């Protein structure tokens, strides 16, 4: 096994991501308790980027699940965005046992060396440990609201984790795969666990996403409606995959802003609010 490594330093982006044409959003850490922490998990200490208001809590928790590229500057910035709004936010480095995916130089390398070697069960356990760390180090009453959101690879994990963890209050999944082949390390896809969702999930998807066909989104919408648990999907007809990623060519500012506002409204609606 590769030597575990920590996420990239502040201001660094994943090497395999083609840079976008505009300056990415930068959220200051002023007034925040922000930086790397370590969470005990099976196999070692998992790095995570944590940010919270420096003022006393308790604060509602939002777990931010990384893209395929890992915990790099974009994900850390999202964590700070939540913290500046009054949340305790945490982004665990879920590939840490295999090294740092942000250092990989191609998508193929990411898939072969990280995605295909990371079991869903391990990821769900690591997210459980993240929740436990927050309870221990940022104490709150047992009713603390807990939200989860994730992007791309993390969008898929968001659906799975809401089906797994009964303490989640609400989730928002950004353009995560919904259907696909299953295997020993990926025994279920989000479409398979609709009936098991323990909290409402908002899905945010692009109608021009070549990796997530529109018919799979439509089937998921129908299944969610039939399940009747309050989950929804919103589709941006002209948006590609990764339309929220402000550091990439796929970034679509209008859809990204609207999606962020929908996320915050969804969390408020379901009680995940400062």
C-alpha atoms as a PDB file:
ATOM      1  CA  UNK A   1       0.000   0.000   0.000  1.00  0.00           C
ATOM      2  CA  UNK A   2       1.228   3.485  -0.809  1.00  0.00           C
ATOM      3  CA  UNK A   3       2.283   5.744   2.002  1.00  0.00           C
ATOM      4  CA  UNK A   4      -0.766   7.796   3.053  1.00  0.00           C
ATOM      5  CA  UNK A   5      -0.450  11.457   2.230  1.00  0.00           C
ATOM      6  CA  UNK A   6      -2.323  14.581   3.130  1.00  0.00           C
ATOM      7  CA  UNK A   7      -4.385  16.794   0.825  1.00  0.00           C
ATOM      8  CA  UNK A   8      -2.576  19.429  -1.177  1.00  0.00           C
ATOM      9  CA  UNK A   9      -1.584  22.678   0.545  1.00  0.00           C
ATOM     10  CA  UNK A  10      -3.994  25.603   0.438  1.00  0.00           C
ATOM     11  CA  UNK A  11      -4.313  27.150  -3.006  1.00  0.00           C
ATOM     12  CA  UNK A  12      -3.394  24.001  -4.953  1.00  0.00           C
ATOM     13  CA  UNK A  13      -5.663  22.201  -7.387  1.00  0.00           C
ATOM     14  CA  UNK A  14      -5.658  18.636  -8.642  1.00  0.00           C
ATOM     15  CA  UNK A  15      -3.104  18.004 -11.379  1.00  0.00           C
ATOM     16  CA  UNK A  16      -5.480  15.922 -13.534  1.00  0.00           C
ATOM     17  CA  UNK A  17      -8.070  18.698 -13.728  1.00  0.00           C
ATOM     18  CA  UNK A  18      -7.772  20.952 -16.771  1.00  0.00           C
ATOM     19  CA  UNK A  19      -7.734  24.548 -15.486  1.00  0.00           C
ATOM     20  CA  UNK A  20     -10.614  26.821 -16.353  1.00  0.00           C
ATOM     21  CA  UNK A  21     -10.498  30.216 -18.059  1.00  0.00           C
ATOM     22  CA  UNK A  22     -11.444  32.324 -15.032  1.00  0.00           C
ATOM     23  CA  UNK A  23     -10.084  32.849 -11.539  1.00  0.00           C
ATOM     24  CA  UNK A  24     -11.661  30.341  -9.132  1.00  0.00           C
ATOM     25  CA  UNK A  25     -13.640  31.496  -6.133  1.00  0.00           C
ATOM     26  CA  UNK A  26     -11.560  31.980  -3.007  1.00  0.00           C
ATOM     27  CA  UNK A  27     -13.270  32.079   0.387  1.00  0.00           C
ATOM     28  CA  UNK A  28     -11.224  33.582   3.186  1.00  0.00           C
ATOM     29  CA  UNK A  29     -10.639  31.764   6.457  1.00  0.00           C
ATOM     30  CA  UNK A  30     -10.993  34.984   8.452  1.00  0.00           C
ATOM     31  CA  UNK A  31     -13.016  34.368  11.597  1.00  0.00           C
ATOM     32  CA  UNK A  32     -12.835  30.604  11.153  1.00  0.00           C
ATOM     33  CA  UNK A  33     -11.195  27.676  12.837  1.00  0.00           C
ATOM     34  CA  UNK A  34      -9.879  26.096   9.648  1.00  0.00           C
ATOM     35  CA  UNK A  35      -7.262  23.540   8.659  1.00  0.00           C
ATOM     36  CA  UNK A  36      -6.362  19.867   8.538  1.00  0.00           C
ATOM     37  CA  UNK A  37      -7.286  17.436  11.294  1.00  0.00           C
ATOM     38  CA  UNK A  38      -6.849  13.661  11.553  1.00  0.00           C
ATOM     39  CA  UNK A  39      -9.617  11.145  12.174  1.00  0.00           C
ATOM     40  CA  UNK A  40      -8.891   7.635  13.526  1.00  0.00           C
ATOM     41  CA  UNK A  41     -10.200   5.026  11.096  1.00  0.00           C
ATOM     42  CA  UNK A  42      -9.404   1.452  10.230  1.00  0.00           C
ATOM     43  CA  UNK A  43      -6.008   1.549   8.560  1.00  0.00           C
ATOM     44  CA  UNK A  44      -4.645   4.716  10.118  1.00  0.00           C
ATOM     45  CA  UNK A  45      -5.379   8.389  10.610  1.00  0.00           C
ATOM     46  CA  UNK A  46      -7.513   9.889   7.879  1.00  0.00           C
ATOM     47  CA  UNK A  47      -6.767  13.549   7.050  1.00  0.00           C
ATOM     48  CA  UNK A  48      -9.747  15.857   6.746  1.00  0.00           C
ATOM     49  CA  UNK A  49     -10.170  19.547   6.100  1.00  0.00           C
ATOM     50  CA  UNK A  50     -12.312  21.130   8.807  1.00  0.00           C
ATOM     51  CA  UNK A  51     -13.682  24.654   9.095  1.00  0.00           C
ATOM     52  CA  UNK A  52     -16.068  26.162  11.625  1.00  0.00           C
ATOM     53  CA  UNK A  53     -16.862  29.581  13.049  1.00  0.00           C
ATOM     54  CA  UNK A  54     -14.338  30.581  15.710  1.00  0.00           C
ATOM     55  CA  UNK A  55     -17.262  31.552  17.938  1.00  0.00           C
ATOM     56  CA  UNK A  56     -18.698  28.907  20.283  1.00  0.00           C
ATOM     57  CA  UNK A  57     -21.247  26.450  18.899  1.00  0.00           C
ATOM     58  CA  UNK A  58     -22.925  24.130  18.682  1.00  0.00           C
ATOM     59  CA  UNK A  59     -23.003  24.436  14.909  1.00  0.00           C
ATOM     60  CA  UNK A  60     -24.901  22.228  12.467  1.00  0.00           C
ATOM     61  CA  UNK A  61     -22.612  19.791  10.672  1.00  0.00           C
ATOM     62  CA  UNK A  62     -22.166  19.456   6.916  1.00  0.00           C
ATOM     63  CA  UNK A  63     -20.005  16.638   5.575  1.00  0.00           C
ATOM     64  CA  UNK A  64     -18.534  17.517   2.164  1.00  0.00           C
ATOM     65  CA  UNK A  65     -17.640  14.505   0.025  1.00  0.00           C
ATOM     66  CA  UNK A  66     -14.770  15.003  -2.403  1.00  0.00           C
ATOM     67  CA  UNK A  67     -14.809  14.784  -6.172  1.00  0.00           C
ATOM     68  CA  UNK A  68     -12.755  12.137  -7.933  1.00  0.00           C
ATOM     69  CA  UNK A  69      -9.803  14.548  -7.574  1.00  0.00           C
ATOM     70  CA  UNK A  70      -9.755  14.309  -3.778  1.00  0.00           C
ATOM     71  CA  UNK A  71      -9.572  17.034  -1.158  1.00  0.00           C
ATOM     72  CA  UNK A  72      -7.862  19.883  -2.968  1.00  0.00           C
ATOM     73  CA  UNK A  73      -8.378  23.653  -2.959  1.00  0.00           C
ATOM     74  CA  UNK A  74     -11.863  23.611  -4.495  1.00  0.00           C
ATOM     75  CA  UNK A  75     -13.258  21.217  -1.894  1.00  0.00           C
ATOM     76  CA  UNK A  76     -11.510  23.098   0.909  1.00  0.00           C
ATOM     77  CA  UNK A  77     -13.048  26.317  -0.380  1.00  0.00           C
ATOM     78  CA  UNK A  78     -16.531  24.764  -0.287  1.00  0.00           C
ATOM     79  CA  UNK A  79     -15.875  23.771   3.329  1.00  0.00           C
ATOM     80  CA  UNK A  80     -14.959  27.384   4.155  1.00  0.00           C
ATOM     81  CA  UNK A  81     -18.072  28.650   2.373  1.00  0.00           C
ATOM     82  CA  UNK A  82     -20.205  26.585   4.717  1.00  0.00           C
ATOM     83  CA  UNK A  83     -18.217  27.686   7.765  1.00  0.00           C
ATOM     84  CA  UNK A  84     -18.625  31.356   6.869  1.00  0.00           C
ATOM     85  CA  UNK A  85     -22.388  30.752   6.962  1.00  0.00           C
ATOM     86  CA  UNK A  86     -22.227  29.293  10.462  1.00  0.00           C
ATOM     87  CA  UNK A  87     -21.745  25.586   9.796  1.00  0.00           C
ATOM     88  CA  UNK A  88     -19.160  23.121  11.036  1.00  0.00           C
ATOM     89  CA  UNK A  89     -18.007  21.582   7.754  1.00  0.00           C
ATOM     90  CA  UNK A  90     -15.643  18.661   7.170  1.00  0.00           C
ATOM     91  CA  UNK A  91     -14.174  17.064   4.041  1.00  0.00           C
ATOM     92  CA  UNK A  92     -12.449  13.740   4.788  1.00  0.00           C
ATOM     93  CA  UNK A  93      -9.706  12.536   2.416  1.00  0.00           C
ATOM     94  CA  UNK A  94     -11.401   9.253   1.563  1.00  0.00           C
ATOM     95  CA  UNK A  95      -8.615   7.918  -0.697  1.00  0.00           C
ATOM     96  CA  UNK A  96      -5.843   8.562   1.842  1.00  0.00           C
ATOM     97  CA  UNK A  97      -4.813   4.896   2.152  1.00  0.00           C
ATOM     98  CA  UNK A  98      -3.776   4.950  -1.506  1.00  0.00           C
ATOM     99  CA  UNK A  99      -1.960   8.280  -1.548  1.00  0.00           C
ATOM    100  CA  UNK A 100      -3.167  11.691  -2.698  1.00  0.00           C
ATOM    101  CA  UNK A 101      -5.412  11.622  -5.796  1.00  0.00           C
ATOM    102  CA  UNK A 102      -4.794  15.320  -6.388  1.00  0.00           C
ATOM    103  CA  UNK A 103      -1.233  14.377  -7.394  1.00  0.00           C
ATOM    104  CA  UNK A 104      -2.392  11.982 -10.145  1.00  0.00           C
ATOM    105  CA  UNK A 105      -1.691  13.288 -13.640  1.00  0.00           C
ATOM    106  CA  UNK A 106      -4.668  11.827 -15.538  1.00  0.00           C
ATOM    107  CA  UNK A 107      -8.277  10.742 -15.126  1.00  0.00           C
ATOM    108  CA  UNK A 108      -7.287   7.203 -16.101  1.00  0.00           C
ATOM    109  CA  UNK A 109      -4.698   7.139 -13.328  1.00  0.00           C
ATOM    110  CA  UNK A 110      -7.309   8.339 -10.872  1.00  0.00           C
ATOM    111  CA  UNK A 111      -9.734   5.625 -11.918  1.00  0.00           C
ATOM    112  CA  UNK A 112      -7.184   2.811 -11.870  1.00  0.00           C
ATOM    113  CA  UNK A 113      -5.307   3.775  -8.704  1.00  0.00           C
ATOM    114  CA  UNK A 114      -8.081   5.231  -6.562  1.00  0.00           C
ATOM    115  CA  UNK A 115     -11.688   4.784  -7.667  1.00  0.00           C
ATOM    116  CA  UNK A 116     -11.451   1.108  -8.569  1.00  0.00           C
ATOM    117  CA  UNK A 117      -9.583   0.334  -5.344  1.00  0.00           C
ATOM    118  CA  UNK A 118     -11.862   2.071  -2.834  1.00  0.00           C
ATOM    119  CA  UNK A 119     -14.726  -0.079  -1.481  1.00  0.00           C
ATOM    120  CA  UNK A 120     -18.026   1.633  -0.771  1.00  0.00           C
ATOM    121  CA  UNK A 121     -18.218  -0.079   2.624  1.00  0.00           C
ATOM    122  CA  UNK A 122     -14.895   1.485   3.613  1.00  0.00           C
ATOM    123  CA  UNK A 123     -16.085   4.927   2.494  1.00  0.00           C
ATOM    124  CA  UNK A 124     -19.307   4.664   4.494  1.00  0.00           C
ATOM    125  CA  UNK A 125     -17.327   3.577   7.548  1.00  0.00           C
ATOM    126  CA  UNK A 126     -14.930   6.515   7.125  1.00  0.00           C
ATOM    127  CA  UNK A 127     -17.883   8.911   6.938  1.00  0.00           C
ATOM    128  CA  UNK A 128     -19.280   7.365  10.119  1.00  0.00           C
ATOM    129  CA  UNK A 129     -15.904   8.067  11.742  1.00  0.00           C
ATOM    130  CA  UNK A 130     -16.083  11.673  10.511  1.00  0.00           C
ATOM    131  CA  UNK A 131     -19.451  12.081  12.194  1.00  0.00           C
ATOM    132  CA  UNK A 132     -18.089  10.529  15.397  1.00  0.00           C
ATOM    133  CA  UNK A 133     -15.063  12.880  15.359  1.00  0.00           C
ATOM    134  CA  UNK A 134     -17.367  15.885  15.074  1.00  0.00           C
ATOM    135  CA  UNK A 135     -19.413  14.644  18.027  1.00  0.00           C
ATOM    136  CA  UNK A 136     -16.273  14.238  20.128  1.00  0.00           C
ATOM    137  CA  UNK A 137     -14.456  17.447  19.207  1.00  0.00           C
ATOM    138  CA  UNK A 138     -17.398  19.764  18.567  1.00  0.00           C
ATOM    139  CA  UNK A 139     -19.923  18.585  21.161  1.00  0.00           C
ATOM    140  CA  UNK A 140     -23.604  19.206  20.567  1.00  0.00           C
ATOM    141  CA  UNK A 141     -26.835  17.622  21.698  1.00  0.00           C
ATOM    142  CA  UNK A 142     -27.940  14.363  20.131  1.00  0.00           C
ATOM    143  CA  UNK A 143     -30.373  16.212  17.877  1.00  0.00           C
ATOM    144  CA  UNK A 144     -27.663  18.181  16.047  1.00  0.00           C
ATOM    145  CA  UNK A 145     -28.745  18.464  12.388  1.00  0.00           C
ATOM    146  CA  UNK A 146     -26.354  16.799   9.956  1.00  0.00           C
ATOM    147  CA  UNK A 147     -26.223  17.531   6.250  1.00  0.00           C
ATOM    148  CA  UNK A 148     -24.122  15.909   3.569  1.00  0.00           C
ATOM    149  CA  UNK A 149     -23.229  17.064   0.090  1.00  0.00           C
ATOM    150  CA  UNK A 150     -20.858  15.698  -2.531  1.00  0.00           C
ATOM    151  CA  UNK A 151     -19.702  16.279  -6.083  1.00  0.00           C
ATOM    152  CA  UNK A 152     -19.240  13.794  -8.949  1.00  0.00           C
ATOM    153  CA  UNK A 153     -17.826  10.689  -7.214  1.00  0.00           C
ATOM    154  CA  UNK A 154     -18.964  12.293  -3.990  1.00  0.00           C
ATOM    155  CA  UNK A 155     -22.435  12.870  -5.403  1.00  0.00           C
ATOM    156  CA  UNK A 156     -22.890   9.126  -5.793  1.00  0.00           C
ATOM    157  CA  UNK A 157     -21.552   8.574  -2.280  1.00  0.00           C
ATOM    158  CA  UNK A 158     -24.015  11.148  -0.928  1.00  0.00           C
ATOM    159  CA  UNK A 159     -26.976   9.050  -2.077  1.00  0.00           C
ATOM    160  CA  UNK A 160     -25.431   5.899  -0.611  1.00  0.00           C
ATOM    161  CA  UNK A 161     -24.594   7.513   2.718  1.00  0.00           C
ATOM    162  CA  UNK A 162     -28.098   8.882   3.216  1.00  0.00           C
ATOM    163  CA  UNK A 163     -29.347   5.321   2.718  1.00  0.00           C
ATOM    164  CA  UNK A 164     -26.784   4.113   5.263  1.00  0.00           C
ATOM    165  CA  UNK A 165     -26.719   6.631   8.129  1.00  0.00           C
ATOM    166  CA  UNK A 166     -29.950   7.392  10.031  1.00  0.00           C
ATOM    167  CA  UNK A 167     -28.487  10.524  11.625  1.00  0.00           C
ATOM    168  CA  UNK A 168     -28.370  12.416   8.332  1.00  0.00           C
ATOM    169  CA  UNK A 169     -30.999  15.150   8.258  1.00  0.00           C
ATOM    170  CA  UNK A 170     -30.748  16.091   4.567  1.00  0.00           C
ATOM    171  CA  UNK A 171     -28.446  15.563   1.593  1.00  0.00           C
ATOM    172  CA  UNK A 172     -27.576  17.299  -1.670  1.00  0.00           C
ATOM    173  CA  UNK A 173     -25.945  15.241  -4.440  1.00  0.00           C
ATOM    174  CA  UNK A 174     -24.240  17.078  -7.298  1.00  0.00           C
ATOM    175  CA  UNK A 175     -24.081  15.135 -10.582  1.00  0.00           C
ATOM    176  CA  UNK A 176     -23.288  11.771  -9.039  1.00  0.00           C
ATOM    177  CA  UNK A 177     -23.780   8.615 -11.094  1.00  0.00           C
ATOM    178  CA  UNK A 178     -27.145   6.947 -10.461  1.00  0.00           C
ATOM    179  CA  UNK A 179     -26.941   3.625 -12.287  1.00  0.00           C
ATOM    180  CA  UNK A 180     -24.198   1.285 -13.425  1.00  0.00           C
ATOM    181  CA  UNK A 181     -22.515  -2.050 -12.964  1.00  0.00           C
ATOM    182  CA  UNK A 182     -22.110  -3.411  -9.469  1.00  0.00           C
ATOM    183  CA  UNK A 183     -19.143  -5.296  -8.080  1.00  0.00           C
ATOM    184  CA  UNK A 184     -17.644  -6.510  -4.840  1.00  0.00           C
ATOM    185  CA  UNK A 185     -16.417  -3.003  -3.979  1.00  0.00           C
ATOM    186  CA  UNK A 186     -19.506  -1.217  -5.374  1.00  0.00           C
ATOM    187  CA  UNK A 187     -22.384  -3.575  -4.496  1.00  0.00           C
ATOM    188  CA  UNK A 188     -25.122  -0.961  -4.962  1.00  0.00           C
ATOM    189  CA  UNK A 189     -25.813   2.138  -7.010  1.00  0.00           C
ATOM    190  CA  UNK A 190     -28.020   5.049  -5.882  1.00  0.00           C
ATOM    191  CA  UNK A 191     -30.943   3.777  -7.967  1.00  0.00           C
ATOM    192  CA  UNK A 192     -30.800   0.546  -5.957  1.00  0.00           C
ATOM    193  CA  UNK A 193     -31.210   2.212  -2.553  1.00  0.00           C
ATOM    194  CA  UNK A 194     -34.069   4.663  -3.137  1.00  0.00           C
ATOM    195  CA  UNK A 195     -36.340   2.793  -0.743  1.00  0.00           C
ATOM    196  CA  UNK A 196     -33.625   2.868   1.927  1.00  0.00           C
ATOM    197  CA  UNK A 197     -33.062   6.648   1.973  1.00  0.00           C
ATOM    198  CA  UNK A 198     -33.334   7.854   5.560  1.00  0.00           C
ATOM    199  CA  UNK A 199     -33.544  11.562   4.774  1.00  0.00           C
ATOM    200  CA  UNK A 200     -34.575  13.719   1.798  1.00  0.00           C
ATOM    201  CA  UNK A 201     -31.949  14.204  -0.912  1.00  0.00           C
ATOM    202  CA  UNK A 202     -31.830  16.937  -3.534  1.00  0.00           C
ATOM    203  CA  UNK A 203     -30.047  15.895  -6.728  1.00  0.00           C
ATOM    204  CA  UNK A 204     -28.521  18.593  -8.953  1.00  0.00           C
ATOM    205  CA  UNK A 205     -27.712  17.403 -12.470  1.00  0.00           C
ATOM    206  CA  UNK A 206     -26.734  18.719 -15.896  1.00  0.00           C
ATOM    207  CA  UNK A 207     -28.840  17.906 -18.927  1.00  0.00           C
ATOM    208  CA  UNK A 208     -25.682  17.873 -21.095  1.00  0.00           C
ATOM    209  CA  UNK A 209     -23.719  15.539 -18.802  1.00  0.00           C
ATOM    210  CA  UNK A 210     -22.354  12.919 -21.196  1.00  0.00           C
ATOM    211  CA  UNK A 211     -21.446  10.582 -18.331  1.00  0.00           C
ATOM    212  CA  UNK A 212     -24.904  10.548 -16.741  1.00  0.00           C
ATOM    213  CA  UNK A 213     -27.524   9.953 -19.450  1.00  0.00           C
ATOM    214  CA  UNK A 214     -30.762  11.853 -19.046  1.00  0.00           C
ATOM    215  CA  UNK A 215     -32.804   8.653 -19.091  1.00  0.00           C
ATOM    216  CA  UNK A 216     -31.044   7.474 -15.923  1.00  0.00           C
ATOM    217  CA  UNK A 217     -31.975  10.758 -14.244  1.00  0.00           C
ATOM    218  CA  UNK A 218     -35.589  10.385 -15.379  1.00  0.00           C
ATOM    219  CA  UNK A 219     -35.771   6.843 -13.992  1.00  0.00           C
ATOM    220  CA  UNK A 220     -34.339   8.055 -10.687  1.00  0.00           C
ATOM    221  CA  UNK A 221     -36.874  10.887 -10.545  1.00  0.00           C
ATOM    222  CA  UNK A 222     -39.695   8.418 -11.089  1.00  0.00           C
ATOM    223  CA  UNK A 223     -38.353   6.080  -8.411  1.00  0.00           C
ATOM    224  CA  UNK A 224     -38.003   8.925  -5.924  1.00  0.00           C
ATOM    225  CA  UNK A 225     -41.545  10.050  -6.601  1.00  0.00           C
ATOM    226  CA  UNK A 226     -42.849   6.535  -6.108  1.00  0.00           C
ATOM    227  CA  UNK A 227     -40.914   6.167  -2.841  1.00  0.00           C
ATOM    228  CA  UNK A 228     -42.600   9.307  -1.518  1.00  0.00           C
ATOM    229  CA  UNK A 229     -39.843  10.292   0.917  1.00  0.00           C
ATOM    230  CA  UNK A 230     -39.440  13.887  -0.209  1.00  0.00           C
ATOM    231  CA  UNK A 231     -36.337  13.575  -2.368  1.00  0.00           C
ATOM    232  CA  UNK A 232     -36.111  15.537  -5.629  1.00  0.00           C
ATOM    233  CA  UNK A 233     -33.875  16.057  -8.647  1.00  0.00           C
ATOM    234  CA  UNK A 234     -33.383  19.354 -10.437  1.00  0.00           C
ATOM    235  CA  UNK A 235     -31.896  19.278 -13.947  1.00  0.00           C
ATOM    236  CA  UNK A 236     -30.144  22.232 -15.596  1.00  0.00           C
ATOM    237  CA  UNK A 237     -30.880  21.538 -19.279  1.00  0.00           C
ATOM    238  CA  UNK A 238     -27.798  23.244 -20.735  1.00  0.00           C
ATOM    239  CA  UNK A 239     -25.259  22.359 -18.040  1.00  0.00           C
ATOM    240  CA  UNK A 240     -22.484  19.777 -18.460  1.00  0.00           C
ATOM    241  CA  UNK A 241     -20.947  17.590 -15.794  1.00  0.00           C
ATOM    242  CA  UNK A 242     -19.093  19.448 -13.023  1.00  0.00           C
ATOM    243  CA  UNK A 243     -20.902  22.725 -13.628  1.00  0.00           C
ATOM    244  CA  UNK A 244     -20.188  23.782 -10.018  1.00  0.00           C
ATOM    245  CA  UNK A 245     -16.409  23.314 -10.336  1.00  0.00           C
ATOM    246  CA  UNK A 246     -15.304  26.956 -10.653  1.00  0.00           C
ATOM    247  CA  UNK A 247     -11.694  25.995 -11.408  1.00  0.00           C
ATOM    248  CA  UNK A 248     -12.563  23.929 -14.529  1.00  0.00           C
ATOM    249  CA  UNK A 249     -13.759  24.692 -18.072  1.00  0.00           C
ATOM    250  CA  UNK A 250     -17.056  22.956 -17.229  1.00  0.00           C
ATOM    251  CA  UNK A 251     -17.986  25.718 -14.763  1.00  0.00           C
ATOM    252  CA  UNK A 252     -21.302  27.420 -15.437  1.00  0.00           C
ATOM    253  CA  UNK A 253     -21.631  30.426 -13.104  1.00  0.00           C
ATOM    254  CA  UNK A 254     -25.405  30.878 -13.350  1.00  0.00           C
ATOM    255  CA  UNK A 255     -26.214  27.222 -12.754  1.00  0.00           C
ATOM    256  CA  UNK A 256     -23.585  26.990 -10.008  1.00  0.00           C
ATOM    257  CA  UNK A 257     -25.035  29.981  -8.158  1.00  0.00           C
ATOM    258  CA  UNK A 258     -28.557  28.662  -8.518  1.00  0.00           C
ATOM    259  CA  UNK A 259     -27.497  25.214  -7.329  1.00  0.00           C
ATOM    260  CA  UNK A 260     -25.770  26.659  -4.267  1.00  0.00           C
ATOM    261  CA  UNK A 261     -28.889  28.643  -3.370  1.00  0.00           C
ATOM    262  CA  UNK A 262     -31.016  25.532  -3.857  1.00  0.00           C
ATOM    263  CA  UNK A 263     -28.650  23.603  -1.571  1.00  0.00           C
ATOM    264  CA  UNK A 264     -28.887  26.206   1.185  1.00  0.00           C
ATOM    265  CA  UNK A 265     -32.667  26.413   0.844  1.00  0.00           C
ATOM    266  CA  UNK A 266     -32.908  22.598   0.971  1.00  0.00           C
ATOM    267  CA  UNK A 267     -30.849  22.453   4.132  1.00  0.00           C
ATOM    268  CA  UNK A 268     -32.903  25.249   5.730  1.00  0.00           C
ATOM    269  CA  UNK A 269     -36.139  23.601   4.713  1.00  0.00           C
ATOM    270  CA  UNK A 270     -35.121  20.378   6.411  1.00  0.00           C
ATOM    271  CA  UNK A 271     -33.638  21.904   9.543  1.00  0.00           C
ATOM    272  CA  UNK A 272     -29.911  21.920   8.703  1.00  0.00           C
ATOM    273  CA  UNK A 273     -29.327  25.593   9.459  1.00  0.00           C
ATOM    274  CA  UNK A 274     -27.252  27.698  11.871  1.00  0.00           C
END
